[in-house]
Amino acid sequence: MDAATQMVIDGQRAFAMIGAVLWTMLRIGALLMAMPLIGTRAVPVRIRVLLAATLALALAPLLPPVPDWNGFDAAVVLSVARELAVGASMGFMLKLIFEAGALTGELISQGTGLSFAQMTDPLRGTSSGVVSQWFYIGFGLLFFAANGHLALVQLLVDSYRALPVGTALPDLHAFAEIAPTFFLQVLRSGLLLALPVMVAMLAVNLAFGVLAKAAPALNPIQLGLPVALLLGLFLLAMLSSEIGPPVQRMFDAAFDAARQVTM
């Protein structure tokens, strides 16, 4: 084999490798853009692109082969849209769990009198309560502490093996059933996580209401907010020590729902 032929073969291999990395980046990039923490405004877009490229370089040799490039036609456009939709769907499933944490914070802040403490949330791109932001950040710390980033890489590998690049999407009716069911599960999980503090604070508010009727001269309304605030912070500290196992179960449910998207 002469030098010219060898150069042509090497060039074809190089373009094939670049094509495989670019095809792999589509689903990974869409997932990173839609998932919590990494997909927020707090992380610059360049960092997300570099992270997607790094993961694509590492995973491309382990994944099924991508379709050959035959020009930019309608099939390529549909394949690109399909990869972006699959990645965004999986990232959205993971993001719902963090929104359950924000919901827990909002419910707790309503009962403890901390709902007035609002500030700009750079992770969610909106204004939310400080308790909601605390839960959101706490979910993020638990996500990395429970090796959620490694489970995310495994989820990507499983998705490419179940739904390789260039294949048809699974049944859309199945996805239409997964999303509402998982959304209801997220709402229920967020409510159950905040329920102990909500019940305790309801009992405290009822007690102060009865005291205000029985002995109005004591003016218990003025003591209600400080006592509710201190008790709410104490209950929040108690809840933070027991939040690990239920949040881990929520993460497992989110990864199962994201995995069902490609099944």
Protein backbone atom coordinates (compact mmCIF):
# COMPACT_ATOMS: atom_id res chain seq x y z
CA MET A 1 0.00 0.00 0.00
CA ASP A 2 1.49 3.30 -1.10
CA ALA A 3 1.62 6.48 0.96
CA ALA A 4 -1.23 8.19 -0.90
CA THR A 5 -3.62 5.28 -0.30
CA GLN A 6 -2.62 5.09 3.34
CA MET A 7 -3.27 8.82 3.74
CA VAL A 8 -6.75 8.45 2.21
CA ILE A 9 -7.61 5.57 4.54
CA ASP A 10 -6.34 7.48 7.57
CA GLY A 11 -8.38 10.50 6.52
CA GLN A 12 -11.52 8.40 6.19
CA ARG A 13 -10.96 6.91 9.64
CA ALA A 14 -10.43 10.36 11.12
CA PHE A 15 -13.65 11.69 9.58
CA ALA A 16 -15.49 8.57 10.78
CA MET A 17 -14.24 9.15 14.32
CA ILE A 18 -15.23 12.82 14.19
CA GLY A 19 -18.66 11.87 12.88
CA ALA A 20 -19.15 9.33 15.68
CA VAL A 21 -18.19 11.91 18.30
CA LEU A 22 -20.53 14.52 16.82
CA TRP A 23 -23.45 12.09 16.66
CA THR A 24 -22.80 11.09 20.26
CA MET A 25 -22.60 14.72 21.39
CA LEU A 26 -26.16 15.40 20.26
CA ARG A 27 -27.88 13.23 22.87
CA ILE A 28 -25.33 13.99 25.58
CA GLY A 29 -25.48 17.73 24.95
CA ALA A 30 -29.28 17.77 25.02
CA LEU A 31 -29.28 15.85 28.29
CA LEU A 32 -26.76 18.22 29.88
CA MET A 33 -28.73 21.26 28.73
CA ALA A 34 -31.97 19.92 30.22
CA MET A 35 -30.73 18.30 33.43
CA PRO A 36 -30.53 20.17 36.76
CA LEU A 37 -27.39 21.79 38.16
CA ILE A 38 -25.28 21.44 35.00
CA GLY A 39 -28.06 22.66 32.72
CA THR A 40 -28.66 25.85 34.69
CA ARG A 41 -27.47 29.39 34.04
CA ALA A 42 -24.89 29.01 36.79
CA VAL A 43 -22.80 26.82 34.46
CA PRO A 44 -21.57 28.61 31.30
CA VAL A 45 -22.56 27.18 27.94
CA ARG A 46 -18.90 26.66 26.97
CA ILE A 47 -18.37 24.46 30.02
CA ARG A 48 -21.40 22.37 29.09
CA VAL A 49 -20.19 22.00 25.51
CA LEU A 50 -16.73 20.96 26.69
CA LEU A 51 -18.25 18.46 29.10
CA ALA A 52 -20.47 17.02 26.35
CA ALA A 53 -17.47 16.73 24.02
CA THR A 54 -15.40 15.02 26.71
CA LEU A 55 -18.12 12.48 27.45
CA ALA A 56 -18.66 11.87 23.74
CA LEU A 57 -14.94 11.23 23.20
CA ALA A 58 -14.91 8.79 26.10
CA LEU A 59 -18.13 6.95 25.21
CA ALA A 60 -18.04 6.89 21.40
CA PRO A 61 -15.67 3.85 21.16
CA LEU A 62 -17.93 1.87 23.54
CA LEU A 63 -21.21 2.53 21.74
CA PRO A 64 -22.82 0.91 18.69
CA PRO A 65 -21.66 2.29 15.33
CA VAL A 66 -23.34 5.42 14.05
CA PRO A 67 -24.90 5.60 10.57
CA ASP A 68 -22.67 6.50 7.65
CA TRP A 69 -22.72 10.07 6.43
CA ASN A 70 -24.45 10.25 3.04
CA GLY A 71 -25.08 13.95 2.87
CA PHE A 72 -27.38 16.37 4.62
CA ASP A 73 -30.89 15.13 3.82
CA ALA A 74 -34.26 14.71 5.54
CA ALA A 75 -33.17 11.47 7.24
CA VAL A 76 -30.23 13.25 8.88
CA VAL A 77 -32.47 16.09 10.08
CA LEU A 78 -34.90 13.60 11.62
CA SER A 79 -32.05 11.70 13.25
CA VAL A 80 -30.65 14.89 14.77
CA ALA A 81 -34.09 15.88 16.06
CA ARG A 82 -34.56 12.38 17.46
CA GLU A 83 -31.26 12.48 19.36
CA LEU A 84 -32.02 15.91 20.79
CA ALA A 85 -35.51 14.82 21.85
CA VAL A 86 -34.25 11.67 23.59
CA GLY A 87 -31.50 13.53 25.47
CA ALA A 88 -33.81 16.36 26.52
CA SER A 89 -36.46 13.89 27.70
CA MET A 90 -34.01 12.04 29.93
CA GLY A 91 -32.66 15.30 31.34
CA PHE A 92 -36.19 16.53 32.01
CA MET A 93 -36.96 13.40 34.04
CA LEU A 94 -33.96 14.08 36.25
CA LYS A 95 -34.86 17.74 36.60
CA LEU A 96 -38.31 16.90 37.94
CA ILE A 97 -36.78 15.35 41.06
CA PHE A 98 -35.01 18.60 41.91
CA GLU A 99 -38.26 20.46 41.38
CA ALA A 100 -39.77 18.11 43.95
CA GLY A 101 -37.13 19.37 46.38
CA ALA A 102 -38.06 22.96 45.54
CA LEU A 103 -41.72 22.08 46.12
CA THR A 104 -40.82 20.64 49.53
CA GLY A 105 -39.05 23.87 50.43
CA GLU A 106 -42.01 26.00 49.36
CA LEU A 107 -44.45 23.93 51.43
CA ILE A 108 -42.23 24.09 54.51
CA SER A 109 -41.64 27.82 54.14
CA GLN A 110 -45.39 28.46 54.01
CA GLY A 111 -45.83 26.84 57.41
CA THR A 112 -42.77 28.26 59.13
CA GLY A 113 -43.25 31.87 58.10
CA LEU A 114 -40.20 31.94 55.84
CA SER A 115 -42.17 32.40 52.64
CA PHE A 116 -41.45 36.13 52.69
CA ALA A 117 -37.70 35.44 52.35
CA GLN A 118 -37.44 35.54 48.57
CA MET A 119 -34.31 36.00 46.50
CA THR A 120 -33.09 35.40 42.97
CA ASP A 121 -32.24 31.78 42.34
CA PRO A 122 -29.38 31.48 39.78
CA LEU A 123 -29.86 27.72 39.50
CA ARG A 124 -33.52 27.89 38.47
CA GLY A 125 -33.49 31.28 36.81
CA THR A 126 -36.34 32.66 38.87
CA SER A 127 -37.13 34.14 42.27
CA SER A 128 -37.81 31.57 44.98
CA GLY A 129 -37.68 31.15 48.74
CA VAL A 130 -34.46 30.52 50.58
CA VAL A 131 -35.79 27.20 51.90
CA SER A 132 -36.51 26.03 48.35
CA GLN A 133 -33.00 26.97 47.30
CA TRP A 134 -31.61 25.13 50.31
CA PHE A 135 -33.46 21.97 49.31
CA TYR A 136 -32.40 22.37 45.67
CA ILE A 137 -28.74 22.66 46.64
CA GLY A 138 -29.14 19.84 49.16
CA PHE A 139 -30.54 17.57 46.45
CA GLY A 140 -27.54 18.46 44.30
CA LEU A 141 -25.07 17.56 47.04
CA LEU A 142 -26.87 14.28 47.65
CA PHE A 143 -26.88 13.60 43.91
CA PHE A 144 -23.08 13.73 43.70
CA ALA A 145 -22.61 12.07 47.10
CA ALA A 146 -24.70 9.10 45.91
CA ASN A 147 -22.60 8.82 42.71
CA GLY A 148 -25.42 10.20 40.60
CA HIS A 149 -22.90 11.47 38.04
CA LEU A 150 -21.66 7.91 37.51
CA ALA A 151 -25.24 6.65 37.23
CA LEU A 152 -25.78 9.38 34.63
CA VAL A 153 -22.94 8.02 32.50
CA GLN A 154 -24.36 4.51 32.83
CA LEU A 155 -27.77 5.84 31.82
CA LEU A 156 -26.26 7.30 28.64
CA VAL A 157 -24.52 4.03 27.78
CA ASP A 158 -27.74 2.04 28.36
CA SER A 159 -29.73 4.49 26.26
CA TYR A 160 -27.36 4.12 23.31
CA ARG A 161 -27.48 0.35 23.57
CA ALA A 162 -31.27 0.28 23.78
CA LEU A 163 -31.77 3.02 21.18
CA PRO A 164 -28.71 3.40 18.92
CA VAL A 165 -28.18 6.46 16.79
CA GLY A 166 -30.23 6.34 13.59
CA THR A 167 -32.91 3.92 14.81
CA ALA A 168 -36.58 4.73 15.09
CA LEU A 169 -38.02 6.14 18.27
CA PRO A 170 -39.89 3.77 20.62
CA ASP A 171 -43.64 3.90 20.98
CA LEU A 172 -44.67 7.46 21.73
CA HIS A 173 -47.74 6.22 23.61
CA ALA A 174 -45.44 4.62 26.17
CA PHE A 175 -43.62 7.92 26.71
CA ALA A 176 -46.95 9.73 27.00
CA GLU A 177 -47.82 7.36 29.85
CA ILE A 178 -44.42 7.59 31.58
CA ALA A 179 -44.26 11.38 31.86
CA PRO A 180 -47.63 12.04 33.60
CA THR A 181 -47.20 9.04 35.91
CA PHE A 182 -43.73 10.14 36.95
CA PHE A 183 -44.91 13.73 37.39
CA LEU A 184 -47.58 12.59 39.83
CA GLN A 185 -44.97 10.54 41.66
CA VAL A 186 -42.75 13.62 41.92
CA LEU A 187 -45.56 15.71 43.40
CA ARG A 188 -46.40 12.97 45.87
CA SER A 189 -42.75 12.59 46.91
CA GLY A 190 -42.33 16.32 47.46
CA LEU A 191 -45.49 16.46 49.55
CA LEU A 192 -44.55 13.43 51.65
CA LEU A 193 -41.10 14.86 52.29
CA ALA A 194 -42.57 18.09 53.66
CA LEU A 195 -45.52 16.48 55.42
CA PRO A 196 -43.91 15.97 58.90
CA VAL A 197 -42.89 19.62 59.17
CA MET A 198 -46.23 20.79 57.78
CA VAL A 199 -48.22 18.76 60.33
CA ALA A 200 -46.04 19.95 63.21
CA MET A 201 -46.36 23.59 62.18
CA LEU A 202 -50.13 23.19 61.71
CA ALA A 203 -50.39 21.92 65.28
CA VAL A 204 -48.37 24.89 66.54
CA ASN A 205 -50.53 27.39 64.64
CA LEU A 206 -53.71 25.75 65.93
CA ALA A 207 -52.35 25.91 69.47
CA PHE A 208 -51.62 29.61 69.17
CA GLY A 209 -55.06 30.17 67.66
CA VAL A 210 -56.77 28.46 70.58
CA LEU A 211 -54.58 30.42 73.02
CA ALA A 212 -55.51 33.68 71.31
CA LYS A 213 -59.21 32.87 71.81
CA ALA A 214 -58.82 31.65 75.38
CA ALA A 215 -56.47 34.35 76.67
CA PRO A 216 -56.35 37.34 74.31
CA ALA A 217 -54.72 39.49 77.00
CA LEU A 218 -51.51 37.47 76.60
CA ASN A 219 -51.33 38.61 72.96
CA PRO A 220 -50.03 35.25 71.70
CA ILE A 221 -50.11 36.42 68.09
CA GLN A 222 -46.91 38.37 68.67
CA LEU A 223 -45.22 35.21 69.92
CA GLY A 224 -46.59 33.07 67.12
CA LEU A 225 -44.18 34.08 64.37
CA PRO A 226 -40.94 33.86 66.42
CA VAL A 227 -41.92 30.52 67.92
CA ALA A 228 -43.00 29.14 64.54
CA LEU A 229 -39.77 30.35 62.97
CA LEU A 230 -37.53 28.80 65.63
CA LEU A 231 -39.49 25.56 65.68
CA GLY A 232 -39.46 25.43 61.88
CA LEU A 233 -35.67 25.80 61.80
CA PHE A 234 -35.34 23.08 64.44
CA LEU A 235 -37.60 20.72 62.48
CA LEU A 236 -35.72 21.57 59.30
CA ALA A 237 -32.46 20.60 60.99
CA MET A 238 -34.04 17.33 62.14
CA LEU A 239 -35.38 16.66 58.64
CA SER A 240 -31.99 17.25 57.04
CA SER A 241 -30.51 14.34 58.99
CA GLU A 242 -33.20 11.95 57.70
CA ILE A 243 -33.56 13.17 54.14
CA GLY A 244 -30.97 10.88 52.57
CA PRO A 245 -32.89 7.58 52.06
CA PRO A 246 -36.10 9.10 50.63
CA VAL A 247 -34.12 11.33 48.26
CA GLN A 248 -32.11 8.30 47.14
CA ARG A 249 -35.35 6.49 46.32
CA MET A 250 -36.48 9.54 44.36
CA PHE A 251 -33.24 9.50 42.36
CA ASP A 252 -33.70 5.80 41.62
CA ALA A 253 -37.22 6.45 40.38
CA ALA A 254 -35.97 9.30 38.18
CA PHE A 255 -33.28 7.15 36.57
CA ASP A 256 -35.79 4.35 36.00
CA ALA A 257 -38.18 6.79 34.33
CA ALA A 258 -35.37 8.24 32.19
CA ARG A 259 -34.32 4.72 31.20
CA GLN A 260 -37.87 3.83 30.16
CA VAL A 261 -37.81 6.69 27.65
CA THR A 262 -35.50 4.67 25.39
CA MET A 263 -37.10 1.29 25.98
